[in-house]
Protein backbone atom coordinates (compact mmCIF):
# COMPACT_ATOMS: atom_id res chain seq x y z
CA MET A 1 35.91 -63.95 -0.16
CA ASP A 2 33.49 -62.71 2.45
CA GLU A 3 30.45 -60.84 1.21
CA ASN A 4 29.31 -58.11 3.52
CA LYS A 5 26.02 -56.33 3.29
CA LEU A 6 25.01 -52.86 4.51
CA LYS A 7 21.47 -51.53 4.38
CA ILE A 8 20.55 -48.00 5.58
CA ASP A 9 16.89 -46.94 5.31
CA LEU A 10 16.62 -43.30 6.58
CA THR A 11 12.89 -43.27 5.85
CA GLN A 12 13.04 -44.88 2.45
CA GLY A 13 16.19 -43.15 1.22
CA ILE A 14 17.58 -46.73 1.19
CA ILE A 15 21.26 -47.48 0.53
CA GLU A 16 22.06 -51.16 -0.01
CA VAL A 17 25.64 -52.24 -0.52
CA GLU A 18 27.03 -55.73 -1.02
CA GLY A 19 30.68 -56.46 -1.42
CA SER A 20 33.93 -56.84 0.42
CA GLU A 21 34.31 -55.56 3.93
CA GLN A 22 36.54 -52.73 2.70
CA LEU A 23 34.01 -51.61 0.03
CA VAL A 24 31.13 -51.62 2.51
CA ARG A 25 33.23 -49.73 5.07
CA ASP A 26 34.31 -47.11 2.46
CA ILE A 27 30.70 -46.55 1.33
CA TYR A 28 29.53 -46.32 4.94
CA ASN A 29 32.26 -43.79 5.90
CA ASP A 30 31.57 -41.69 2.79
CA PHE A 31 27.83 -41.73 3.55
CA LYS A 32 28.43 -40.84 7.20
CA LYS A 33 30.73 -37.97 6.21
CA ARG A 34 28.15 -36.54 3.76
CA LEU A 35 25.37 -36.92 6.29
CA ASN A 36 27.34 -35.01 8.93
CA GLN A 37 28.18 -32.24 6.43
CA ALA A 38 24.51 -31.82 5.51
CA ALA A 39 23.44 -31.71 9.16
CA ALA A 40 26.12 -29.27 10.34
CA PRO A 41 25.22 -25.58 9.95
CA ALA A 42 27.31 -23.82 7.39
CA ILE A 43 29.70 -21.43 9.05
CA VAL A 44 30.84 -18.75 6.70
CA ALA A 45 33.41 -16.23 7.78
CA PRO A 46 32.29 -12.67 7.10
CA ALA A 47 34.11 -10.83 4.38
CA PRO A 48 36.70 -8.44 5.74
CA GLN A 49 35.59 -4.81 5.78
CA VAL A 50 37.73 -2.60 3.63
CA PRO A 51 37.50 1.11 4.43
CA LYS A 52 35.90 3.12 1.63
CA THR A 53 37.73 5.94 0.03
CA THR A 54 36.28 9.45 0.24
CA THR A 55 35.14 9.25 -3.39
CA GLU A 56 33.34 5.93 -2.80
CA LYS A 57 31.63 7.33 0.32
CA SER A 58 30.30 10.41 -1.46
CA ALA A 59 29.12 8.28 -4.41
CA ALA A 60 27.28 5.96 -2.01
CA ASN A 61 25.68 8.92 -0.20
CA SER A 62 24.57 10.44 -3.51
CA GLN A 63 22.99 7.13 -4.49
CA LYS A 64 21.14 6.94 -1.15
CA LYS A 65 19.80 10.48 -1.57
CA ALA A 66 18.68 9.79 -5.13
CA THR A 67 16.66 6.72 -4.14
CA SER A 68 15.40 7.71 -0.68
CA GLY A 69 13.63 10.92 -1.70
CA LYS A 70 11.41 9.28 -4.31
CA PRO A 71 7.88 8.57 -3.03
CA LYS A 72 6.23 5.28 -3.98
CA SER A 73 2.99 6.96 -5.01
CA LYS A 74 1.49 10.24 -3.95
CA SER A 75 -1.58 8.78 -2.28
CA SER A 76 0.11 5.83 -0.58
CA THR A 77 2.78 7.86 1.22
CA ASN A 78 0.95 11.12 1.88
CA ASN A 79 -1.78 11.02 4.53
CA SER A 80 -2.93 14.57 3.80
CA GLY A 81 -3.05 14.69 0.01
CA THR A 82 -1.51 16.96 -2.60
CA LEU A 83 -3.15 19.85 -4.42
CA LEU A 84 -4.10 18.96 -8.01
CA LYS A 85 -3.60 22.18 -9.94
CA ASP A 86 -5.22 20.82 -13.10
CA LEU A 87 -8.51 19.80 -11.39
CA ASP A 88 -11.09 22.39 -12.49
CA LEU A 89 -13.77 22.82 -9.82
CA THR A 90 -15.02 26.22 -11.04
CA GLY A 91 -17.99 24.91 -12.98
CA SER A 92 -16.70 25.60 -16.46
CA GLY A 93 -18.26 23.66 -19.30
CA GLY A 94 -21.80 24.11 -18.03
CA ILE A 95 -21.49 21.96 -14.90
CA GLU A 96 -22.15 23.16 -11.38
CA SER A 97 -19.11 24.44 -9.47
CA LEU A 98 -17.95 22.65 -6.33
CA ARG A 99 -18.61 25.76 -4.22
CA ASP A 100 -22.22 26.00 -5.46
CA PHE A 101 -22.80 22.29 -4.90
CA TYR A 102 -21.19 22.33 -1.43
CA SER A 103 -23.17 25.43 -0.39
CA LYS A 104 -26.46 23.50 -0.78
CA TYR A 105 -25.68 21.21 2.16
CA GLU A 106 -25.14 21.66 5.88
CA ALA A 107 -22.16 19.33 6.10
CA SER A 108 -21.21 19.55 9.77
CA SER A 109 -18.50 16.87 9.99
CA ASN A 110 -15.51 15.77 7.95
CA PHE A 111 -17.38 12.51 7.23
CA GLU A 112 -20.13 14.53 5.54
CA ARG A 113 -17.67 16.81 3.76
CA ASN A 114 -15.76 13.80 2.41
CA LEU A 115 -19.06 12.38 1.16
CA VAL A 116 -20.09 15.67 -0.51
CA PHE A 117 -16.72 16.00 -2.24
CA VAL A 118 -16.50 12.43 -3.54
CA TYR A 119 -20.17 12.53 -4.60
CA TYR A 120 -19.50 15.77 -6.51
CA LEU A 121 -16.40 14.37 -8.21
CA GLN A 122 -18.13 11.09 -9.09
CA ASN A 123 -21.60 12.31 -10.10
CA ILE A 124 -21.19 15.94 -11.18
CA LYS A 125 -17.63 15.96 -12.57
CA GLU A 126 -18.00 12.29 -13.62
CA LEU A 127 -14.44 11.37 -12.68
CA VAL A 128 -13.67 7.67 -12.79
CA GLU A 129 -10.59 7.53 -10.56
CA ILE A 130 -10.87 9.64 -7.40
CA ASN A 131 -8.08 9.54 -4.83
CA ILE A 132 -6.99 11.43 -1.70
CA ASN A 133 -5.48 14.22 -3.80
CA HIS A 134 -8.86 14.96 -5.41
CA VAL A 135 -10.53 15.19 -1.99
CA PHE A 136 -7.74 17.42 -0.64
CA THR A 137 -8.12 19.73 -3.64
CA CYS A 138 -11.85 20.01 -2.86
CA TYR A 139 -11.11 21.02 0.75
CA ARG A 140 -8.69 23.66 -0.52
CA ASN A 141 -11.30 24.99 -2.94
CA ILE A 142 -13.82 25.90 -0.22
CA PRO A 143 -12.91 29.17 1.59
CA ASP A 144 -12.32 28.93 5.35
CA LEU A 145 -12.60 25.14 5.37
CA LYS A 146 -9.75 23.25 7.04
CA ALA A 147 -8.74 19.85 5.69
CA PRO A 148 -8.39 17.13 8.33
CA GLY A 149 -4.83 16.69 9.64
CA ASN A 150 -4.86 13.04 8.51
CA LEU A 151 -7.17 13.15 5.51
CA LYS A 152 -6.47 9.56 4.58
CA GLN A 153 -7.71 8.36 7.98
CA SER A 154 -10.72 10.66 7.74
CA ILE A 155 -11.65 9.11 4.37
CA PHE A 156 -11.21 5.60 5.82
CA ASP A 157 -13.41 6.55 8.77
CA SER A 158 -16.10 7.87 6.40
CA ALA A 159 -16.06 4.43 4.83
CA PHE A 160 -15.80 2.19 7.89
CA LYS A 161 -17.70 4.14 10.54
CA LYS A 162 -20.45 5.52 8.31
CA GLY A 163 -20.37 3.34 5.18
CA TRP A 164 -20.69 6.43 2.97
CA LEU A 165 -17.54 5.80 0.88
CA ASP A 166 -15.95 2.74 -0.67
CA THR A 167 -12.20 2.84 -0.04
CA SER A 168 -11.35 -0.71 -1.10
CA ASN A 169 -9.19 0.92 -3.80
CA MET A 170 -7.73 4.23 -2.58
CA GLU A 171 -6.94 5.16 -6.19
CA SER A 172 -10.64 4.87 -7.05
CA ILE A 173 -12.74 6.03 -4.10
CA THR A 174 -16.47 5.81 -4.80
CA VAL A 175 -19.80 6.58 -3.15
CA PRO A 176 -21.86 3.42 -2.56
CA ILE A 177 -25.66 3.44 -2.33
CA SER A 178 -25.59 4.12 1.44
CA GLY A 179 -23.61 7.34 0.79
CA ILE A 180 -25.89 8.36 -2.07
CA ASN A 181 -28.94 7.83 0.14
CA HIS A 182 -27.43 9.85 2.99
CA LEU A 183 -26.49 12.78 0.76
CA GLU A 184 -29.70 12.84 -1.29
CA HIS A 185 -32.19 12.12 1.51
CA ASP A 186 -30.71 12.60 5.00
CA LEU A 187 -28.07 15.34 4.81
CA PRO A 188 -29.73 18.64 5.77
CA LYS A 189 -29.93 21.15 2.97
CA LYS A 190 -29.42 24.85 3.56
CA ALA A 191 -32.52 26.97 3.18
CA GLU A 192 -32.43 28.86 -0.10
CA GLU A 193 -32.17 32.61 0.32
CA SER A 194 -34.99 34.55 -1.25
CA SER A 195 -33.96 37.53 -3.33
């Protein structure tokens, strides 16, 4: 009886077989077949398309409409902001109103207006989480003041070009020390009218 030996290494995946010529040949052929199957790309025939009935089509369309109209979050999908009807900026409760606070400063750019609004919300109203909707509501509260067309970009620019806002979390916009210094020391104040 002849003993035959087969050794395949394939980078230490070693297969060693000893036995009759037929056994070695069978193992080798089986191994070769499995190796070829693993190397060949799987070709899967696409499932045949079955036309949908009218009822199935309208159900699918209703499902699309139900899921496609839902925004992810107000501030992440809306670049202009949404009016917050429950944000009281009138000065009730003994705090200064936004209009009175804003009227003290000569804010000549949207960067400065964004700073004044976030400063007011953070330091006068003492809000913890300020987002684009809060800033938009401030713009809408000042008569004859237009909000920027892309308020979100304007807020980012106030942060990155001027350093007056911290927008690392757009759900919690804050005024860093550079913004506080600009508003309290550098932003021109309007001259008080004498009565």
